[in-house]
Amino acid sequence: MELPITIFLMISFFIGVHASGRIKGKVKNFYIAGNIIPFWVLALSLTGQAIEMGGTQDNATFAISSGFWAGAILPIGIGMSLLILGFFFAKPLHDMKLMTLPDFYFRKFGKWVELLASIISVTGMIILLAGNLAGIGILLNYALGVDPIPAMIVIAVIVMIYTTAGGLFAV
């Protein structure tokens, strides 16, 4: 069980490091990969983000305790929200050439609303990341018998290097 997990982590790490060469020092390449990522890669990336630790564990718990539909609510809701966003908002937002979601709020409402949106976005992502790191620590404890705290630290360092090195190209 240790070998597949180790191989996956090493592949992820090297993808991030390799992708760092594609950024070429440009912020646009880091955040949006120069707008050259194919649709299918973005679709798989969004799908992968929807399959996160908290949602996966909660869905399994809901399905076991209350039946299929209780466990299906979250993935159906995420899927519907992505479709609605794609059909109604993707093109106008893409045409605005935004780098981040708070950029939209800056253009529409000014710097204070952008600041508030940034704080809310960063806080939400920190909470999501903390939940996912705790979940991966618990899973590695069950699967490999390792102490969850050091496992979370190692995973956090790998994810940090992967992301900071390659940005969206690392997807």
Protein backbone atom coordinates (compact mmCIF):
# COMPACT_ATOMS: atom_id res chain seq x y z
CA MET A 1 0.00 0.00 0.00
CA GLU A 2 2.89 2.38 0.68
CA LEU A 3 4.37 2.12 -2.82
CA PRO A 4 1.37 3.41 -4.84
CA ILE A 5 0.88 6.35 -2.45
CA THR A 6 4.56 7.23 -2.55
CA ILE A 7 4.65 6.96 -6.35
CA PHE A 8 1.57 9.20 -6.66
CA LEU A 9 3.09 11.84 -4.38
CA MET A 10 6.39 11.80 -6.24
CA ILE A 11 4.67 12.06 -9.64
CA SER A 12 2.59 15.00 -8.36
CA PHE A 13 5.70 16.71 -7.03
CA PHE A 14 7.62 16.31 -10.30
CA ILE A 15 4.65 17.50 -12.39
CA GLY A 16 4.61 20.73 -10.37
CA VAL A 17 8.34 21.21 -10.70
CA HIS A 18 8.22 20.46 -14.44
CA ALA A 19 5.33 22.88 -14.90
CA SER A 20 7.37 25.65 -13.31
CA GLY A 21 9.35 25.88 -16.55
CA ARG A 22 6.18 26.67 -18.49
CA ILE A 23 5.33 29.71 -16.36
CA LYS A 24 8.32 31.70 -17.66
CA GLY A 25 7.98 34.33 -14.93
CA LYS A 26 4.53 35.54 -16.05
CA VAL A 27 1.68 35.95 -13.57
CA LYS A 28 -0.85 35.19 -16.31
CA ASN A 29 0.78 31.82 -16.92
CA PHE A 30 0.70 30.98 -13.20
CA TYR A 31 -2.98 31.79 -12.65
CA ILE A 32 -4.58 30.87 -15.96
CA ALA A 33 -1.83 28.98 -17.80
CA GLY A 34 -1.87 31.48 -20.66
CA ASN A 35 -5.45 30.39 -21.54
CA ILE A 36 -4.09 27.34 -23.36
CA ILE A 37 -5.39 24.53 -21.14
CA PRO A 38 -7.74 22.28 -23.16
CA PHE A 39 -11.37 22.00 -22.09
CA TRP A 40 -11.09 18.34 -21.12
CA VAL A 41 -8.21 19.08 -18.72
CA LEU A 42 -10.18 21.86 -17.04
CA ALA A 43 -13.25 19.60 -16.80
CA LEU A 44 -11.21 16.87 -15.11
CA SER A 45 -9.61 19.45 -12.81
CA LEU A 46 -13.00 20.74 -11.67
CA THR A 47 -14.21 17.19 -11.22
CA GLY A 48 -11.15 16.41 -9.12
CA GLN A 49 -11.80 19.44 -6.92
CA ALA A 50 -15.37 18.29 -6.34
CA ILE A 51 -14.06 14.94 -5.10
CA GLU A 52 -12.47 16.27 -1.96
CA MET A 53 -12.04 14.61 1.39
CA GLY A 54 -14.88 16.19 3.36
CA GLY A 55 -17.46 15.73 0.64
CA THR A 56 -16.38 12.18 -0.08
CA GLN A 57 -16.49 11.10 3.56
CA ASP A 58 -19.75 12.94 4.20
CA ASN A 59 -21.38 11.44 1.10
CA ALA A 60 -20.41 7.94 2.14
CA THR A 61 -21.72 8.54 5.66
CA PHE A 62 -25.00 10.03 4.39
CA ALA A 63 -25.51 7.22 1.88
CA ILE A 64 -24.87 4.53 4.49
CA SER A 65 -27.05 6.12 7.16
CA SER A 66 -29.88 7.61 5.06
CA GLY A 67 -29.77 6.01 1.63
CA PHE A 68 -28.51 6.80 -1.86
CA TRP A 69 -30.20 10.18 -2.36
CA ALA A 70 -28.79 11.59 0.88
CA GLY A 71 -25.30 10.75 -0.37
CA ALA A 72 -26.02 11.96 -3.91
CA ILE A 73 -27.14 15.47 -2.92
CA LEU A 74 -23.66 17.00 -2.77
CA PRO A 75 -22.31 15.71 -6.11
CA ILE A 76 -25.60 16.51 -7.85
CA GLY A 77 -25.56 20.02 -6.37
CA ILE A 78 -21.95 20.62 -7.36
CA GLY A 79 -22.63 19.32 -10.86
CA MET A 80 -25.70 21.52 -11.27
CA SER A 81 -23.87 24.61 -10.01
CA LEU A 82 -20.98 24.01 -12.41
CA LEU A 83 -23.41 23.62 -15.32
CA ILE A 84 -25.28 26.79 -14.38
CA LEU A 85 -22.03 28.71 -14.01
CA GLY A 86 -20.77 27.35 -17.31
CA PHE A 87 -23.92 28.13 -19.29
CA PHE A 88 -24.63 31.59 -17.89
CA PHE A 89 -21.43 33.07 -16.50
CA ALA A 90 -18.33 31.45 -18.04
CA LYS A 91 -18.27 33.40 -21.31
CA PRO A 92 -18.89 36.88 -19.83
CA LEU A 93 -16.33 36.27 -17.09
CA HIS A 94 -13.81 34.91 -19.60
CA ASP A 95 -14.35 37.92 -21.86
CA MET A 96 -13.46 40.17 -18.91
CA LYS A 97 -10.00 38.51 -18.82
CA LEU A 98 -10.12 38.08 -15.06
CA MET A 99 -7.18 36.60 -13.19
CA THR A 100 -9.05 35.86 -9.95
CA LEU A 101 -12.63 36.01 -8.68
CA PRO A 102 -11.92 39.08 -6.53
CA ASP A 103 -10.83 40.86 -9.75
CA PHE A 104 -14.48 40.77 -10.80
CA TYR A 105 -15.54 42.49 -7.60
CA PHE A 106 -12.82 45.12 -8.03
CA ARG A 107 -14.03 45.97 -11.53
CA LYS A 108 -17.68 46.12 -10.52
CA PHE A 109 -17.55 47.57 -7.00
CA GLY A 110 -14.06 48.87 -6.18
CA LYS A 111 -11.10 47.97 -4.03
CA TRP A 112 -12.91 47.54 -0.68
CA VAL A 113 -15.31 44.94 -2.03
CA GLU A 114 -12.37 43.22 -3.75
CA LEU A 115 -10.54 43.15 -0.43
CA LEU A 116 -13.57 41.66 1.33
CA ALA A 117 -14.02 39.06 -1.44
CA SER A 118 -10.31 38.21 -1.19
CA ILE A 119 -10.49 37.72 2.56
CA ILE A 120 -13.59 35.53 2.25
CA SER A 121 -12.04 33.50 -0.60
CA VAL A 122 -8.73 32.95 1.19
CA THR A 123 -10.46 32.07 4.46
CA GLY A 124 -12.73 29.57 2.71
CA MET A 125 -9.81 27.94 0.90
CA ILE A 126 -7.80 27.69 4.13
CA ILE A 127 -10.72 25.91 5.80
CA LEU A 128 -11.14 23.58 2.80
CA LEU A 129 -7.42 22.84 2.70
CA ALA A 130 -7.34 22.17 6.45
CA GLY A 131 -10.21 19.70 6.11
CA ASN A 132 -8.55 17.95 3.20
CA LEU A 133 -5.19 17.75 4.97
CA ALA A 134 -6.87 16.32 8.08
CA GLY A 135 -8.72 13.82 5.90
CA ILE A 136 -5.59 12.69 4.08
CA GLY A 137 -3.81 12.37 7.44
CA ILE A 138 -6.62 10.13 8.72
CA LEU A 139 -6.63 8.05 5.52
CA LEU A 140 -2.87 7.58 5.60
CA ASN A 141 -3.15 6.58 9.24
CA TYR A 142 -5.73 3.91 8.37
CA ALA A 143 -3.98 2.76 5.19
CA LEU A 144 -0.34 2.89 6.26
CA GLY A 145 -0.44 3.19 10.02
CA VAL A 146 1.58 6.43 9.96
CA ASP A 147 1.09 9.22 12.46
CA PRO A 148 -1.42 11.66 10.87
CA ILE A 149 0.33 14.89 11.94
CA PRO A 150 3.68 14.20 10.20
CA ALA A 151 1.75 12.81 7.20
CA MET A 152 -0.24 16.04 6.93
CA ILE A 153 2.93 18.11 7.14
CA VAL A 154 4.62 16.10 4.37
CA ILE A 155 1.52 16.28 2.15
CA ALA A 156 1.19 20.04 2.80
CA VAL A 157 4.82 20.62 1.77
CA ILE A 158 4.37 18.54 -1.40
CA VAL A 159 1.17 20.39 -2.32
CA MET A 160 2.81 23.75 -1.60
CA ILE A 161 5.80 22.96 -3.82
CA TYR A 162 3.54 21.52 -6.52
CA THR A 163 1.29 24.56 -6.59
CA THR A 164 3.84 27.32 -6.17
CA ALA A 165 6.15 25.75 -8.71
CA GLY A 166 3.64 25.14 -11.49
CA GLY A 167 0.44 27.08 -10.87
CA LEU A 168 -2.38 26.09 -13.22
CA PHE A 169 0.10 24.44 -15.60
CA ALA A 170 0.61 21.86 -12.86
CA VAL A 171 -3.01 20.78 -13.34
